[in-house]
């Protein structure tokens, strides 16, 4: 069964007030994400991965230590990453649930310290990639960064929050100001209820 592009959980212009424009979502979701889905379907057709669940494909095709990943992995992981990303944002997101705030404070000292570390890691990811808040196997929280499409599934971690730092994610709205994009993401776009549900 072919993979399909998931609908956004909100209208294309629903995040504009929070700093992510309709134009960004039209390009990022409708074009970039769709291209990953279409290419993935093309690449897996007739292979051992045809009909397999997306997470199995991501974990099964990841090559630890490889300088460059293979095409199936790149497109599968980017499909997975983006499907999570849309769910991790919301128009007019509410306050951080208390259980998440407690877990973040225990791991990073404070919510502000977590946001600072998340932003620093996102800014520090050279070139394309992602920055994540993950839960490790021992239950502890950590901020990580990954190159290109690599994600926490590859490292046995649970993704609680992820932010795309490929230029296509922010260039329309923030030009080359990745730090401002990340700060805006954390302060105006994150669906903290969704993040907490992943704990």
C-alpha atoms as a PDB file:
ATOM      1  CA  UNK A   1       0.000   0.000   0.000  1.00  0.00           C
ATOM      2  CA  UNK A   2       1.451   3.335  -1.055  1.00  0.00           C
ATOM      3  CA  UNK A   3       2.314   6.054   1.423  1.00  0.00           C
ATOM      4  CA  UNK A   4       0.235   9.217   1.232  1.00  0.00           C
ATOM      5  CA  UNK A   5       0.836  12.825   2.175  1.00  0.00           C
ATOM      6  CA  UNK A   6      -1.044  13.480   5.436  1.00  0.00           C
ATOM      7  CA  UNK A   7      -3.298  16.506   5.542  1.00  0.00           C
ATOM      8  CA  UNK A   8      -2.150  19.347   7.749  1.00  0.00           C
ATOM      9  CA  UNK A   9      -4.009  19.283  11.093  1.00  0.00           C
ATOM     10  CA  UNK A  10      -4.931  22.948  10.523  1.00  0.00           C
ATOM     11  CA  UNK A  11      -5.485  25.349   7.619  1.00  0.00           C
ATOM     12  CA  UNK A  12      -2.479  26.567   5.627  1.00  0.00           C
ATOM     13  CA  UNK A  13      -2.840  30.055   7.091  1.00  0.00           C
ATOM     14  CA  UNK A  14      -3.554  28.908  10.676  1.00  0.00           C
ATOM     15  CA  UNK A  15       0.044  29.378  11.885  1.00  0.00           C
ATOM     16  CA  UNK A  16       0.565  32.786  10.245  1.00  0.00           C
ATOM     17  CA  UNK A  17      -0.233  34.684  13.437  1.00  0.00           C
ATOM     18  CA  UNK A  18       2.441  32.580  15.162  1.00  0.00           C
ATOM     19  CA  UNK A  19       5.068  33.394  12.541  1.00  0.00           C
ATOM     20  CA  UNK A  20       4.791  30.586   9.968  1.00  0.00           C
ATOM     21  CA  UNK A  21       3.161  31.906   6.812  1.00  0.00           C
ATOM     22  CA  UNK A  22       0.681  30.306   4.449  1.00  0.00           C
ATOM     23  CA  UNK A  23       3.346  30.457   1.728  1.00  0.00           C
ATOM     24  CA  UNK A  24       5.802  28.498   3.873  1.00  0.00           C
ATOM     25  CA  UNK A  25       3.260  25.745   4.516  1.00  0.00           C
ATOM     26  CA  UNK A  26       2.231  25.624   0.864  1.00  0.00           C
ATOM     27  CA  UNK A  27       5.853  25.043  -0.141  1.00  0.00           C
ATOM     28  CA  UNK A  28       6.998  22.996   2.845  1.00  0.00           C
ATOM     29  CA  UNK A  29       4.006  20.666   3.179  1.00  0.00           C
ATOM     30  CA  UNK A  30       2.469  20.633  -0.293  1.00  0.00           C
ATOM     31  CA  UNK A  31       5.732  20.500  -2.263  1.00  0.00           C
ATOM     32  CA  UNK A  32       8.693  19.387  -0.111  1.00  0.00           C
ATOM     33  CA  UNK A  33       6.881  16.805   2.011  1.00  0.00           C
ATOM     34  CA  UNK A  34       4.903  15.536  -0.984  1.00  0.00           C
ATOM     35  CA  UNK A  35       8.144  15.054  -2.926  1.00  0.00           C
ATOM     36  CA  UNK A  36       9.524  12.816  -0.141  1.00  0.00           C
ATOM     37  CA  UNK A  37       6.332  10.721  -0.173  1.00  0.00           C
ATOM     38  CA  UNK A  38       6.282  10.375  -3.958  1.00  0.00           C
ATOM     39  CA  UNK A  39       9.981   9.464  -4.150  1.00  0.00           C
ATOM     40  CA  UNK A  40       9.638   6.961  -1.289  1.00  0.00           C
ATOM     41  CA  UNK A  41       6.798   5.173  -3.078  1.00  0.00           C
ATOM     42  CA  UNK A  42       8.895   5.041  -6.235  1.00  0.00           C
ATOM     43  CA  UNK A  43      11.991   3.699  -4.459  1.00  0.00           C
ATOM     44  CA  UNK A  44      10.337   0.978  -2.339  1.00  0.00           C
ATOM     45  CA  UNK A  45       8.181  -0.449  -5.151  1.00  0.00           C
ATOM     46  CA  UNK A  46       9.167  -4.068  -5.718  1.00  0.00           C
ATOM     47  CA  UNK A  47      11.740  -4.125  -2.896  1.00  0.00           C
ATOM     48  CA  UNK A  48      11.738  -5.933   0.452  1.00  0.00           C
ATOM     49  CA  UNK A  49      10.388  -2.710   1.990  1.00  0.00           C
ATOM     50  CA  UNK A  50       7.277  -2.579  -0.172  1.00  0.00           C
ATOM     51  CA  UNK A  51       4.240  -2.661   2.140  1.00  0.00           C
ATOM     52  CA  UNK A  52       6.293  -2.383   5.347  1.00  0.00           C
ATOM     53  CA  UNK A  53       5.406   0.161   8.080  1.00  0.00           C
ATOM     54  CA  UNK A  54       7.210   3.504   7.781  1.00  0.00           C
ATOM     55  CA  UNK A  55       9.046   3.210  11.128  1.00  0.00           C
ATOM     56  CA  UNK A  56      10.362  -0.239  10.142  1.00  0.00           C
ATOM     57  CA  UNK A  57      11.715   1.187   6.885  1.00  0.00           C
ATOM     58  CA  UNK A  58      13.427   4.071   8.694  1.00  0.00           C
ATOM     59  CA  UNK A  59      15.080   1.799  11.256  1.00  0.00           C
ATOM     60  CA  UNK A  60      15.852  -0.956   8.759  1.00  0.00           C
ATOM     61  CA  UNK A  61      17.535   1.208   6.115  1.00  0.00           C
ATOM     62  CA  UNK A  62      19.546   3.498   8.421  1.00  0.00           C
ATOM     63  CA  UNK A  63      23.276   2.919   8.062  1.00  0.00           C
ATOM     64  CA  UNK A  64      25.064   3.848  11.275  1.00  0.00           C
ATOM     65  CA  UNK A  65      28.295   5.720  10.645  1.00  0.00           C
ATOM     66  CA  UNK A  66      27.598   6.314   6.959  1.00  0.00           C
ATOM     67  CA  UNK A  67      28.597   9.723   5.633  1.00  0.00           C
ATOM     68  CA  UNK A  68      25.635   9.673   3.261  1.00  0.00           C
ATOM     69  CA  UNK A  69      22.460   7.637   3.726  1.00  0.00           C
ATOM     70  CA  UNK A  70      20.662   5.718   0.977  1.00  0.00           C
ATOM     71  CA  UNK A  71      17.693   7.077  -0.961  1.00  0.00           C
ATOM     72  CA  UNK A  72      15.031   4.910   0.653  1.00  0.00           C
ATOM     73  CA  UNK A  73      16.138   5.973   4.127  1.00  0.00           C
ATOM     74  CA  UNK A  74      16.374   9.662   3.209  1.00  0.00           C
ATOM     75  CA  UNK A  75      12.841   9.820   1.865  1.00  0.00           C
ATOM     76  CA  UNK A  76      11.285   7.524   4.493  1.00  0.00           C
ATOM     77  CA  UNK A  77      12.873   9.416   7.368  1.00  0.00           C
ATOM     78  CA  UNK A  78      11.925  12.803   5.965  1.00  0.00           C
ATOM     79  CA  UNK A  79       8.330  11.599   5.497  1.00  0.00           C
ATOM     80  CA  UNK A  80       8.290  10.439   9.141  1.00  0.00           C
ATOM     81  CA  UNK A  81       9.978  13.624  10.392  1.00  0.00           C
ATOM     82  CA  UNK A  82       7.546  15.933   8.634  1.00  0.00           C
ATOM     83  CA  UNK A  83       4.462  13.943   9.647  1.00  0.00           C
ATOM     84  CA  UNK A  84       5.557  14.474  13.273  1.00  0.00           C
ATOM     85  CA  UNK A  85       6.513  18.127  12.709  1.00  0.00           C
ATOM     86  CA  UNK A  86       3.031  19.201  11.577  1.00  0.00           C
ATOM     87  CA  UNK A  87       1.485  17.564  14.664  1.00  0.00           C
ATOM     88  CA  UNK A  88       4.010  19.245  16.963  1.00  0.00           C
ATOM     89  CA  UNK A  89       2.669  22.712  16.066  1.00  0.00           C
ATOM     90  CA  UNK A  90      -0.699  24.335  16.645  1.00  0.00           C
ATOM     91  CA  UNK A  91      -2.458  27.658  16.113  1.00  0.00           C
ATOM     92  CA  UNK A  92      -2.604  29.503  19.442  1.00  0.00           C
ATOM     93  CA  UNK A  93      -0.887  26.712  21.416  1.00  0.00           C
ATOM     94  CA  UNK A  94      -1.698  26.563  25.105  1.00  0.00           C
ATOM     95  CA  UNK A  95       0.507  26.415  28.156  1.00  0.00           C
ATOM     96  CA  UNK A  96       2.934  23.581  28.761  1.00  0.00           C
ATOM     97  CA  UNK A  97       1.264  20.765  30.737  1.00  0.00           C
ATOM     98  CA  UNK A  98       2.595  20.430  34.266  1.00  0.00           C
ATOM     99  CA  UNK A  99       3.964  16.888  33.821  1.00  0.00           C
ATOM    100  CA  UNK A 100       6.033  17.998  30.824  1.00  0.00           C
ATOM    101  CA  UNK A 101       7.241  21.131  32.609  1.00  0.00           C
ATOM    102  CA  UNK A 102       8.316  18.985  35.572  1.00  0.00           C
ATOM    103  CA  UNK A 103      10.206  16.525  33.337  1.00  0.00           C
ATOM    104  CA  UNK A 104      11.935  19.351  31.450  1.00  0.00           C
ATOM    105  CA  UNK A 105      12.879  21.171  34.654  1.00  0.00           C
ATOM    106  CA  UNK A 106      14.306  17.977  36.157  1.00  0.00           C
ATOM    107  CA  UNK A 107      16.436  17.370  33.061  1.00  0.00           C
ATOM    108  CA  UNK A 108      17.545  20.895  32.129  1.00  0.00           C
ATOM    109  CA  UNK A 109      17.126  23.031  35.266  1.00  0.00           C
ATOM    110  CA  UNK A 110      14.302  25.173  33.872  1.00  0.00           C
ATOM    111  CA  UNK A 111      12.101  25.595  30.804  1.00  0.00           C
ATOM    112  CA  UNK A 112      14.178  28.619  29.789  1.00  0.00           C
ATOM    113  CA  UNK A 113      17.384  26.571  30.022  1.00  0.00           C
ATOM    114  CA  UNK A 114      15.779  23.875  27.862  1.00  0.00           C
ATOM    115  CA  UNK A 115      14.732  26.444  25.245  1.00  0.00           C
ATOM    116  CA  UNK A 116      18.240  27.909  25.218  1.00  0.00           C
ATOM    117  CA  UNK A 117      19.814  24.475  24.715  1.00  0.00           C
ATOM    118  CA  UNK A 118      17.289  23.533  22.010  1.00  0.00           C
ATOM    119  CA  UNK A 119      17.966  26.775  20.133  1.00  0.00           C
ATOM    120  CA  UNK A 120      21.749  26.431  20.462  1.00  0.00           C
ATOM    121  CA  UNK A 121      21.639  22.872  19.107  1.00  0.00           C
ATOM    122  CA  UNK A 122      19.415  23.906  16.211  1.00  0.00           C
ATOM    123  CA  UNK A 123      21.663  26.823  15.323  1.00  0.00           C
ATOM    124  CA  UNK A 124      24.736  24.612  15.733  1.00  0.00           C
ATOM    125  CA  UNK A 125      23.531  21.975  13.261  1.00  0.00           C
ATOM    126  CA  UNK A 126      25.781  22.715  10.296  1.00  0.00           C
ATOM    127  CA  UNK A 127      23.845  22.567   7.040  1.00  0.00           C
ATOM    128  CA  UNK A 128      20.546  20.727   6.858  1.00  0.00           C
ATOM    129  CA  UNK A 129      19.086  18.713   9.697  1.00  0.00           C
ATOM    130  CA  UNK A 130      16.808  18.631  12.712  1.00  0.00           C
ATOM    131  CA  UNK A 131      16.942  19.486  16.418  1.00  0.00           C
ATOM    132  CA  UNK A 132      15.082  17.274  18.881  1.00  0.00           C
ATOM    133  CA  UNK A 133      13.884  16.897  22.436  1.00  0.00           C
ATOM    134  CA  UNK A 134      14.057  13.143  22.988  1.00  0.00           C
ATOM    135  CA  UNK A 135      13.337  10.634  25.704  1.00  0.00           C
ATOM    136  CA  UNK A 136      16.095   8.065  26.088  1.00  0.00           C
ATOM    137  CA  UNK A 137      15.557   4.408  26.955  1.00  0.00           C
ATOM    138  CA  UNK A 138      16.289   5.187  30.633  1.00  0.00           C
ATOM    139  CA  UNK A 139      13.483   7.768  30.663  1.00  0.00           C
ATOM    140  CA  UNK A 140      15.781  10.790  30.784  1.00  0.00           C
ATOM    141  CA  UNK A 141      15.274  13.749  28.454  1.00  0.00           C
ATOM    142  CA  UNK A 142      17.981  15.095  26.134  1.00  0.00           C
ATOM    143  CA  UNK A 143      18.325  17.694  23.385  1.00  0.00           C
ATOM    144  CA  UNK A 144      19.981  16.303  20.262  1.00  0.00           C
ATOM    145  CA  UNK A 145      20.620  17.348  16.687  1.00  0.00           C
ATOM    146  CA  UNK A 146      20.748  15.165  13.586  1.00  0.00           C
ATOM    147  CA  UNK A 147      22.069  15.710  10.078  1.00  0.00           C
ATOM    148  CA  UNK A 148      19.824  15.697   7.022  1.00  0.00           C
ATOM    149  CA  UNK A 149      16.889  13.331   7.640  1.00  0.00           C
ATOM    150  CA  UNK A 150      18.314  11.270  10.502  1.00  0.00           C
ATOM    151  CA  UNK A 151      15.918  11.119  13.440  1.00  0.00           C
ATOM    152  CA  UNK A 152      15.622   9.692  16.976  1.00  0.00           C
ATOM    153  CA  UNK A 153      14.222   6.356  15.714  1.00  0.00           C
ATOM    154  CA  UNK A 154      17.713   5.618  14.395  1.00  0.00           C
ATOM    155  CA  UNK A 155      19.152   5.899  17.902  1.00  0.00           C
ATOM    156  CA  UNK A 156      16.456   4.054  19.848  1.00  0.00           C
ATOM    157  CA  UNK A 157      15.032   7.290  21.255  1.00  0.00           C
ATOM    158  CA  UNK A 158      11.485   8.651  21.457  1.00  0.00           C
ATOM    159  CA  UNK A 159      10.946  11.974  19.675  1.00  0.00           C
ATOM    160  CA  UNK A 160       9.041  14.366  21.924  1.00  0.00           C
ATOM    161  CA  UNK A 161       9.666  17.535  19.896  1.00  0.00           C
ATOM    162  CA  UNK A 162      11.468  18.141  16.627  1.00  0.00           C
ATOM    163  CA  UNK A 163      12.189  21.228  14.572  1.00  0.00           C
ATOM    164  CA  UNK A 164      13.225  21.214  10.932  1.00  0.00           C
ATOM    165  CA  UNK A 165      16.301  23.390  10.376  1.00  0.00           C
ATOM    166  CA  UNK A 166      16.571  22.817   6.622  1.00  0.00           C
ATOM    167  CA  UNK A 167      16.466  26.232   4.962  1.00  0.00           C
ATOM    168  CA  UNK A 168      13.187  25.456   3.201  1.00  0.00           C
ATOM    169  CA  UNK A 169      11.544  25.429   6.633  1.00  0.00           C
ATOM    170  CA  UNK A 170      12.301  29.032   7.471  1.00  0.00           C
ATOM    171  CA  UNK A 171      13.729  30.993   4.537  1.00  0.00           C
ATOM    172  CA  UNK A 172      10.453  32.505   3.329  1.00  0.00           C
ATOM    173  CA  UNK A 173       9.587  33.916   6.769  1.00  0.00           C
ATOM    174  CA  UNK A 174      12.979  34.436   8.408  1.00  0.00           C
ATOM    175  CA  UNK A 175      15.445  34.491   5.493  1.00  0.00           C
ATOM    176  CA  UNK A 176      18.777  33.243   6.928  1.00  0.00           C
ATOM    177  CA  UNK A 177      17.938  34.031  10.588  1.00  0.00           C
ATOM    178  CA  UNK A 178      17.780  30.482  11.925  1.00  0.00           C
ATOM    179  CA  UNK A 179      18.065  31.602  15.597  1.00  0.00           C
ATOM    180  CA  UNK A 180      14.962  33.812  15.246  1.00  0.00           C
ATOM    181  CA  UNK A 181      13.075  30.976  13.551  1.00  0.00           C
ATOM    182  CA  UNK A 182      13.898  28.589  16.395  1.00  0.00           C
ATOM    183  CA  UNK A 183      13.009  31.096  19.106  1.00  0.00           C
ATOM    184  CA  UNK A 184       9.713  31.829  17.368  1.00  0.00           C
ATOM    185  CA  UNK A 185       9.002  28.102  17.007  1.00  0.00           C
ATOM    186  CA  UNK A 186       9.464  27.498  20.735  1.00  0.00           C
ATOM    187  CA  UNK A 187       7.578  30.583  21.886  1.00  0.00           C
ATOM    188  CA  UNK A 188       4.689  30.742  19.412  1.00  0.00           C
ATOM    189  CA  UNK A 189       4.146  27.459  17.565  1.00  0.00           C
ATOM    190  CA  UNK A 190       4.839  24.375  19.690  1.00  0.00           C
ATOM    191  CA  UNK A 191       1.824  22.252  20.559  1.00  0.00           C
ATOM    192  CA  UNK A 192       2.942  21.409  24.102  1.00  0.00           C
ATOM    193  CA  UNK A 193      -0.062  19.098  24.624  1.00  0.00           C
ATOM    194  CA  UNK A 194       1.199  16.984  21.724  1.00  0.00           C
ATOM    195  CA  UNK A 195       4.731  16.976  23.144  1.00  0.00           C
ATOM    196  CA  UNK A 196       3.423  15.906  26.558  1.00  0.00           C
ATOM    197  CA  UNK A 197       1.380  13.098  24.981  1.00  0.00           C
ATOM    198  CA  UNK A 198       4.620  11.551  23.718  1.00  0.00           C
ATOM    199  CA  UNK A 199       6.110  11.243  27.207  1.00  0.00           C
END
